């Protein structure tokens, strides 16, 4: 039987929704206040969902300390208190939406995901009380 586990993390970051190829008027019409030239910030809630077999020796699905180390090193410390548009390399050529942020998080985790770990099932990232995105680990 496969068991799922969801582990939550938090980080704060700022971004600006802006497409360089669009006029200022078009960006404003499309993104509204999220197009503020100085950016705006969020207190993000990140959930990592894994699914795997119960380890009969430990009684656990995953070593939580090992999972925390990977997520904190690859994601939280990388994004926390950053201006995503300017400080994060992956956004030099991508728009800084939370949907794309979720893709970047997936890419960064999968690049180092241990073979012995359970499957990374989903990444959930909550931007506001009303906006939460679910990014599957694979399409």
N, C-alpha and C. Protein backbone atom coordinates (compact mmCIF):
# COMPACT_ATOMS: atom_id res chain seq x y z
N UNK A 1 0.84 -1.18 0.00
CA UNK A 1 0.00 0.00 0.00
C UNK A 1 0.89 1.25 0.00
N UNK A 2 0.59 2.18 -0.89
CA UNK A 2 1.31 3.45 -0.98
C UNK A 2 0.68 4.43 0.01
N UNK A 3 1.53 5.18 0.67
CA UNK A 3 1.08 6.18 1.64
C UNK A 3 1.61 7.54 1.20
N UNK A 4 0.76 8.55 1.30
CA UNK A 4 1.16 9.91 0.96
C UNK A 4 1.52 10.70 2.20
N UNK A 5 2.44 11.63 2.02
CA UNK A 5 2.84 12.54 3.08
C UNK A 5 2.95 13.93 2.49
N UNK A 6 2.41 14.91 3.17
CA UNK A 6 2.54 16.31 2.76
C UNK A 6 3.31 17.04 3.84
N UNK A 7 4.38 17.72 3.43
CA UNK A 7 5.24 18.47 4.36
C UNK A 7 5.20 19.93 3.93
N UNK A 8 4.98 20.84 4.89
CA UNK A 8 4.83 22.26 4.60
C UNK A 8 6.08 23.05 4.95
N UNK A 9 6.34 24.07 4.14
CA UNK A 9 7.47 24.99 4.31
C UNK A 9 6.97 26.40 4.02
N UNK A 10 7.73 27.39 4.43
CA UNK A 10 7.35 28.78 4.18
C UNK A 10 8.57 29.58 3.73
N UNK A 11 8.29 30.55 2.86
CA UNK A 11 9.32 31.52 2.49
C UNK A 11 8.63 32.80 2.04
N UNK A 12 9.34 33.89 2.11
CA UNK A 12 8.84 35.19 1.70
C UNK A 12 9.65 35.64 0.49
N UNK A 13 8.97 36.16 -0.51
CA UNK A 13 9.66 36.65 -1.70
C UNK A 13 8.78 37.68 -2.40
N UNK A 14 9.42 38.48 -3.24
CA UNK A 14 8.71 39.48 -4.03
C UNK A 14 8.86 39.16 -5.50
N UNK A 15 7.90 39.63 -6.28
CA UNK A 15 7.97 39.47 -7.73
C UNK A 15 7.16 40.56 -8.41
N UNK A 16 7.35 40.67 -9.70
CA UNK A 16 6.56 41.58 -10.52
C UNK A 16 6.10 40.81 -11.73
N UNK A 17 4.81 40.88 -12.01
CA UNK A 17 4.28 40.25 -13.22
C UNK A 17 4.39 41.26 -14.35
N UNK A 18 5.22 40.92 -15.32
CA UNK A 18 5.54 41.86 -16.40
C UNK A 18 6.10 41.09 -17.58
N UNK A 19 5.60 41.39 -18.77
CA UNK A 19 6.12 40.81 -20.00
C UNK A 19 6.82 41.93 -20.75
N UNK A 20 8.14 41.81 -20.92
CA UNK A 20 8.94 42.88 -21.51
C UNK A 20 8.47 43.27 -22.91
N UNK A 21 7.97 42.31 -23.66
CA UNK A 21 7.54 42.58 -25.03
C UNK A 21 6.22 43.35 -25.10
N UNK A 22 5.49 43.45 -23.99
CA UNK A 22 4.22 44.16 -23.97
C UNK A 22 4.44 45.62 -23.59
N UNK A 23 3.53 46.48 -24.01
CA UNK A 23 3.58 47.88 -23.62
C UNK A 23 3.22 47.99 -22.14
N UNK A 24 3.56 49.14 -21.56
CA UNK A 24 3.20 49.38 -20.16
C UNK A 24 1.69 49.29 -19.98
N UNK A 25 0.95 49.83 -20.94
CA UNK A 25 -0.52 49.81 -20.85
C UNK A 25 -1.05 48.37 -20.90
N UNK A 26 -0.48 47.55 -21.77
CA UNK A 26 -0.94 46.17 -21.87
C UNK A 26 -0.58 45.39 -20.61
N UNK A 27 0.62 45.59 -20.07
CA UNK A 27 1.00 44.93 -18.82
C UNK A 27 0.08 45.34 -17.69
N UNK A 28 -0.23 46.63 -17.61
CA UNK A 28 -1.12 47.12 -16.56
C UNK A 28 -2.51 46.52 -16.70
N UNK A 29 -3.01 46.46 -17.92
CA UNK A 29 -4.34 45.88 -18.16
C UNK A 29 -4.36 44.39 -17.82
N UNK A 30 -3.30 43.69 -18.13
CA UNK A 30 -3.25 42.24 -17.91
C UNK A 30 -3.00 41.88 -16.45
N UNK A 31 -2.07 42.59 -15.80
CA UNK A 31 -1.63 42.19 -14.46
C UNK A 31 -2.08 43.13 -13.33
N UNK A 32 -2.63 44.29 -13.66
CA UNK A 32 -3.12 45.21 -12.63
C UNK A 32 -2.06 45.56 -11.61
N UNK A 33 -2.44 45.53 -10.32
CA UNK A 33 -1.51 45.92 -9.25
C UNK A 33 -0.31 44.99 -9.15
N UNK A 34 -0.40 43.82 -9.72
CA UNK A 34 0.74 42.88 -9.70
C UNK A 34 1.84 43.30 -10.66
N UNK A 35 1.59 44.36 -11.44
CA UNK A 35 2.58 44.90 -12.36
C UNK A 35 3.32 46.09 -11.75
N UNK A 36 3.17 46.32 -10.48
CA UNK A 36 3.86 47.43 -9.80
C UNK A 36 5.35 47.41 -10.17
N UNK A 37 5.90 48.51 -10.66
CA UNK A 37 7.30 48.53 -11.07
C UNK A 37 8.28 48.15 -9.96
N UNK A 38 7.88 48.30 -8.73
CA UNK A 38 8.75 47.96 -7.60
C UNK A 38 8.47 46.56 -7.06
N UNK A 39 7.57 45.85 -7.71
CA UNK A 39 7.23 44.51 -7.27
C UNK A 39 6.27 44.51 -6.09
N UNK A 40 5.93 43.32 -5.63
CA UNK A 40 5.09 43.13 -4.46
C UNK A 40 5.45 41.78 -3.86
N UNK A 41 5.18 41.62 -2.58
CA UNK A 41 5.64 40.41 -1.90
C UNK A 41 4.52 39.49 -1.46
N UNK A 42 4.93 38.25 -1.18
CA UNK A 42 4.02 37.23 -0.67
C UNK A 42 4.72 36.44 0.42
N UNK A 43 3.93 35.92 1.33
CA UNK A 43 4.38 34.92 2.29
C UNK A 43 3.89 33.59 1.74
N UNK A 44 4.76 32.91 1.02
CA UNK A 44 4.38 31.68 0.34
C UNK A 44 4.34 30.50 1.31
N UNK A 45 3.38 29.62 1.08
CA UNK A 45 3.33 28.33 1.76
C UNK A 45 3.58 27.27 0.69
N UNK A 46 4.61 26.49 0.90
CA UNK A 46 5.01 25.45 -0.03
C UNK A 46 4.72 24.10 0.59
N UNK A 47 4.04 23.24 -0.14
CA UNK A 47 3.79 21.87 0.32
C UNK A 47 4.42 20.90 -0.67
N UNK A 48 5.18 19.98 -0.12
CA UNK A 48 5.80 18.93 -0.91
C UNK A 48 5.05 17.65 -0.59
N UNK A 49 4.51 17.00 -1.61
CA UNK A 49 3.72 15.78 -1.43
C UNK A 49 4.52 14.61 -2.01
N UNK A 50 4.77 13.63 -1.15
CA UNK A 50 5.45 12.41 -1.59
C UNK A 50 4.50 11.23 -1.40
N UNK A 51 4.77 10.17 -2.15
CA UNK A 51 3.94 8.97 -2.04
C UNK A 51 4.84 7.76 -2.22
N UNK A 52 4.77 6.87 -1.25
CA UNK A 52 5.62 5.69 -1.35
C UNK A 52 5.20 4.61 -0.37
N UNK A 53 6.02 3.60 -0.33
CA UNK A 53 5.78 2.47 0.56
C UNK A 53 6.24 2.79 1.97
N UNK A 54 5.55 2.22 2.92
CA UNK A 54 5.92 2.35 4.32
C UNK A 54 7.18 1.52 4.57
N UNK A 55 8.18 2.15 5.15
CA UNK A 55 9.39 1.42 5.52
C UNK A 55 9.07 0.60 6.77
N UNK A 56 9.19 -0.70 6.67
CA UNK A 56 8.79 -1.59 7.76
C UNK A 56 9.72 -1.45 8.98
N UNK A 57 10.94 -1.01 8.77
CA UNK A 57 11.87 -0.84 9.89
C UNK A 57 11.60 0.44 10.66
N UNK A 58 11.39 1.56 9.93
CA UNK A 58 11.20 2.85 10.60
C UNK A 58 9.74 3.20 10.81
N UNK A 59 8.84 2.55 10.05
CA UNK A 59 7.43 2.89 10.15
C UNK A 59 7.10 4.22 9.49
N UNK A 60 7.99 4.68 8.61
CA UNK A 60 7.81 5.98 7.96
C UNK A 60 7.85 5.85 6.45
N UNK A 61 7.29 6.85 5.78
CA UNK A 61 7.32 6.91 4.32
C UNK A 61 8.63 7.52 3.84
N UNK A 62 9.12 8.51 4.57
CA UNK A 62 10.33 9.22 4.18
C UNK A 62 11.04 9.72 5.44
N UNK A 63 12.32 9.84 5.36
CA UNK A 63 13.12 10.45 6.43
C UNK A 63 12.86 11.95 6.39
N UNK A 64 12.12 12.48 7.35
CA UNK A 64 11.73 13.89 7.33
C UNK A 64 12.93 14.82 7.41
N UNK A 65 13.95 14.46 8.16
CA UNK A 65 15.14 15.31 8.26
C UNK A 65 15.83 15.41 6.90
N UNK A 66 15.91 14.30 6.19
CA UNK A 66 16.53 14.31 4.86
C UNK A 66 15.69 15.13 3.87
N UNK A 67 14.38 14.98 3.93
CA UNK A 67 13.49 15.77 3.07
C UNK A 67 13.64 17.25 3.38
N UNK A 68 13.64 17.60 4.67
CA UNK A 68 13.80 19.00 5.06
C UNK A 68 15.12 19.58 4.55
N UNK A 69 16.17 18.81 4.62
CA UNK A 69 17.48 19.28 4.15
C UNK A 69 17.43 19.63 2.67
N UNK A 70 16.87 18.73 1.87
CA UNK A 70 16.78 18.97 0.43
C UNK A 70 15.93 20.20 0.14
N UNK A 71 14.75 20.27 0.73
CA UNK A 71 13.84 21.38 0.43
C UNK A 71 14.41 22.71 0.95
N UNK A 72 14.98 22.69 2.13
CA UNK A 72 15.54 23.94 2.67
C UNK A 72 16.75 24.42 1.87
N UNK A 73 17.62 23.50 1.46
CA UNK A 73 18.82 23.91 0.71
C UNK A 73 18.49 24.31 -0.72
N UNK A 74 17.65 23.54 -1.41
CA UNK A 74 17.37 23.78 -2.82
C UNK A 74 16.29 24.83 -3.08
N UNK A 75 15.39 25.00 -2.11
CA UNK A 75 14.23 25.87 -2.37
C UNK A 75 14.16 27.04 -1.39
N UNK A 76 13.94 26.74 -0.12
CA UNK A 76 13.66 27.81 0.84
C UNK A 76 14.82 28.81 0.93
N UNK A 77 16.04 28.35 1.13
CA UNK A 77 17.16 29.29 1.25
C UNK A 77 17.44 29.99 -0.08
N UNK A 78 17.10 29.36 -1.19
CA UNK A 78 17.31 29.93 -2.52
C UNK A 78 16.32 31.06 -2.81
N UNK A 79 15.09 30.94 -2.30
CA UNK A 79 14.03 31.89 -2.63
C UNK A 79 13.70 32.89 -1.52
N UNK A 80 13.98 32.54 -0.27
CA UNK A 80 13.54 33.36 0.85
C UNK A 80 14.15 34.76 0.83
N UNK A 81 13.29 35.76 0.95
CA UNK A 81 13.66 37.17 0.98
C UNK A 81 14.42 37.59 -0.27
N UNK A 82 13.94 37.12 -1.41
CA UNK A 82 14.54 37.47 -2.71
C UNK A 82 13.51 38.19 -3.57
N UNK A 83 14.03 38.97 -4.52
CA UNK A 83 13.20 39.55 -5.56
C UNK A 83 13.34 38.61 -6.75
N UNK A 84 12.34 37.78 -6.94
CA UNK A 84 12.40 36.67 -7.89
C UNK A 84 12.83 37.13 -9.28
N UNK A 85 12.29 38.22 -9.78
CA UNK A 85 12.60 38.68 -11.13
C UNK A 85 14.08 38.94 -11.34
N UNK A 86 14.76 39.44 -10.31
CA UNK A 86 16.15 39.85 -10.47
C UNK A 86 17.15 38.93 -9.78
N UNK A 87 16.76 38.30 -8.69
CA UNK A 87 17.71 37.51 -7.90
C UNK A 87 17.78 36.04 -8.26
N UNK A 88 16.79 35.54 -8.97
CA UNK A 88 16.71 34.10 -9.25
C UNK A 88 17.00 33.86 -10.73
N UNK A 89 18.08 33.13 -10.99
CA UNK A 89 18.59 32.93 -12.35
C UNK A 89 17.53 32.41 -13.32
N UNK A 90 16.69 31.48 -12.87
CA UNK A 90 15.70 30.88 -13.76
C UNK A 90 14.69 31.89 -14.30
N UNK A 91 14.60 33.06 -13.69
CA UNK A 91 13.61 34.05 -14.11
C UNK A 91 14.19 35.15 -14.99
N UNK A 92 15.41 34.97 -15.43
CA UNK A 92 15.98 35.94 -16.38
C UNK A 92 15.26 35.84 -17.72
N UNK A 93 14.70 34.67 -18.02
CA UNK A 93 14.01 34.46 -19.30
C UNK A 93 12.58 33.95 -19.12
N UNK A 94 12.08 34.01 -17.89
CA UNK A 94 10.72 33.51 -17.63
C UNK A 94 9.94 34.57 -16.86
N UNK A 95 8.63 34.55 -17.05
CA UNK A 95 7.77 35.47 -16.30
C UNK A 95 7.62 34.93 -14.87
N UNK A 96 7.59 35.81 -13.91
CA UNK A 96 7.63 35.42 -12.49
C UNK A 96 6.25 35.16 -11.90
N UNK A 97 5.42 34.39 -12.59
CA UNK A 97 4.14 33.98 -12.01
C UNK A 97 4.39 32.87 -11.00
N UNK A 98 3.44 32.64 -10.14
CA UNK A 98 3.58 31.55 -9.17
C UNK A 98 3.50 30.20 -9.87
N UNK A 99 2.77 30.13 -10.97
CA UNK A 99 2.73 28.88 -11.73
C UNK A 99 4.13 28.51 -12.23
N UNK A 100 4.85 29.48 -12.75
CA UNK A 100 6.21 29.24 -13.24
C UNK A 100 7.14 28.99 -12.05
N UNK A 101 6.92 29.68 -10.95
CA UNK A 101 7.71 29.43 -9.74
C UNK A 101 7.57 27.96 -9.33
N UNK A 102 6.37 27.43 -9.42
CA UNK A 102 6.16 26.02 -9.11
C UNK A 102 6.94 25.10 -10.03
N UNK A 103 7.01 25.46 -11.31
CA UNK A 103 7.81 24.67 -12.26
C UNK A 103 9.29 24.71 -11.89
N UNK A 104 9.78 25.87 -11.51
CA UNK A 104 11.18 26.01 -11.12
C UNK A 104 11.46 25.18 -9.87
N UNK A 105 10.56 25.21 -8.92
CA UNK A 105 10.73 24.40 -7.71
C UNK A 105 10.79 22.92 -8.08
N UNK A 106 9.89 22.48 -8.94
CA UNK A 106 9.90 21.09 -9.39
C UNK A 106 11.24 20.73 -10.04
N UNK A 107 11.71 21.56 -10.95
CA UNK A 107 12.98 21.30 -11.63
C UNK A 107 14.14 21.20 -10.65
N UNK A 108 14.18 22.12 -9.68
CA UNK A 108 15.29 22.14 -8.72
C UNK A 108 15.24 20.92 -7.80
N UNK A 109 14.05 20.48 -7.43
CA UNK A 109 13.94 19.29 -6.58
C UNK A 109 14.27 18.02 -7.35
N UNK A 110 13.72 17.88 -8.53
CA UNK A 110 13.95 16.65 -9.29
C UNK A 110 15.43 16.48 -9.68
N UNK A 111 16.15 17.59 -9.79
CA UNK A 111 17.57 17.52 -10.15
C UNK A 111 18.41 16.81 -9.08
N UNK A 112 17.90 16.80 -7.83
CA UNK A 112 18.67 16.20 -6.73
C UNK A 112 17.87 15.15 -5.96
N UNK A 113 16.71 14.78 -6.46
CA UNK A 113 15.82 13.87 -5.72
C UNK A 113 16.49 12.50 -5.57
N UNK A 114 16.69 12.04 -4.33
CA UNK A 114 17.34 10.74 -4.13
C UNK A 114 16.51 9.58 -4.66
N UNK A 115 17.18 8.64 -5.27
CA UNK A 115 16.53 7.45 -5.82
C UNK A 115 15.80 6.69 -4.71
N UNK A 116 16.37 6.69 -3.50
CA UNK A 116 15.78 5.93 -2.39
C UNK A 116 14.53 6.61 -1.81
N UNK A 117 14.29 7.85 -2.18
CA UNK A 117 13.12 8.56 -1.66
C UNK A 117 11.85 8.06 -2.33
N UNK A 118 10.70 8.26 -1.65
CA UNK A 118 9.43 7.98 -2.33
C UNK A 118 9.24 8.98 -3.46
N UNK A 119 8.29 8.70 -4.32
CA UNK A 119 8.02 9.55 -5.47
C UNK A 119 7.57 10.94 -5.04
N UNK A 120 8.16 11.95 -5.67
CA UNK A 120 7.67 13.32 -5.51
C UNK A 120 6.40 13.40 -6.33
N UNK A 121 5.27 13.51 -5.64
CA UNK A 121 3.98 13.46 -6.33
C UNK A 121 3.53 14.84 -6.80
N UNK A 122 3.46 15.79 -5.88
CA UNK A 122 2.98 17.13 -6.22
C UNK A 122 3.77 18.17 -5.45
N UNK A 123 3.76 19.36 -6.02
CA UNK A 123 4.25 20.55 -5.35
C UNK A 123 3.05 21.48 -5.29
N UNK A 124 2.73 21.93 -4.11
CA UNK A 124 1.62 22.88 -3.96
C UNK A 124 2.21 24.17 -3.41
N UNK A 125 1.87 25.26 -4.04
CA UNK A 125 2.38 26.54 -3.58
C UNK A 125 1.23 27.51 -3.45
N UNK A 126 1.08 28.02 -2.25
CA UNK A 126 0.01 28.98 -1.95
C UNK A 126 0.61 30.37 -1.91
N UNK A 127 0.09 31.22 -2.78
CA UNK A 127 0.56 32.59 -2.92
C UNK A 127 -0.26 33.53 -2.03
N UNK A 128 -1.57 33.33 -2.03
CA UNK A 128 -2.49 34.13 -1.21
C UNK A 128 -3.53 33.17 -0.64
N UNK A 129 -4.42 33.69 0.18
CA UNK A 129 -5.48 32.84 0.72
C UNK A 129 -6.37 32.29 -0.39
N UNK A 130 -6.43 33.00 -1.50
CA UNK A 130 -7.31 32.59 -2.60
C UNK A 130 -6.60 31.86 -3.73
N UNK A 131 -5.28 31.92 -3.78
CA UNK A 131 -4.53 31.33 -4.90
C UNK A 131 -3.58 30.25 -4.42
N UNK A 132 -3.86 29.03 -4.81
CA UNK A 132 -2.96 27.91 -4.55
C UNK A 132 -2.82 27.14 -5.85
N UNK A 133 -1.59 26.78 -6.18
CA UNK A 133 -1.30 26.07 -7.42
C UNK A 133 -0.75 24.68 -7.11
N UNK A 134 -1.12 23.73 -7.95
CA UNK A 134 -0.65 22.36 -7.80
C UNK A 134 0.14 22.00 -9.05
N UNK A 135 1.40 21.64 -8.84
CA UNK A 135 2.29 21.28 -9.93
C UNK A 135 2.65 19.80 -9.76
N UNK A 136 2.23 18.95 -10.69
CA UNK A 136 2.59 17.53 -10.57
C UNK A 136 4.07 17.35 -10.84
N UNK A 137 4.64 16.30 -10.27
CA UNK A 137 6.08 16.08 -10.47
C UNK A 137 6.41 15.71 -11.89
N UNK A 138 5.45 15.16 -12.61
CA UNK A 138 5.65 14.86 -14.02
C UNK A 138 4.33 15.07 -14.74
N UNK A 139 4.42 15.33 -16.02
CA UNK A 139 3.20 15.58 -16.80
C UNK A 139 2.54 14.31 -17.23
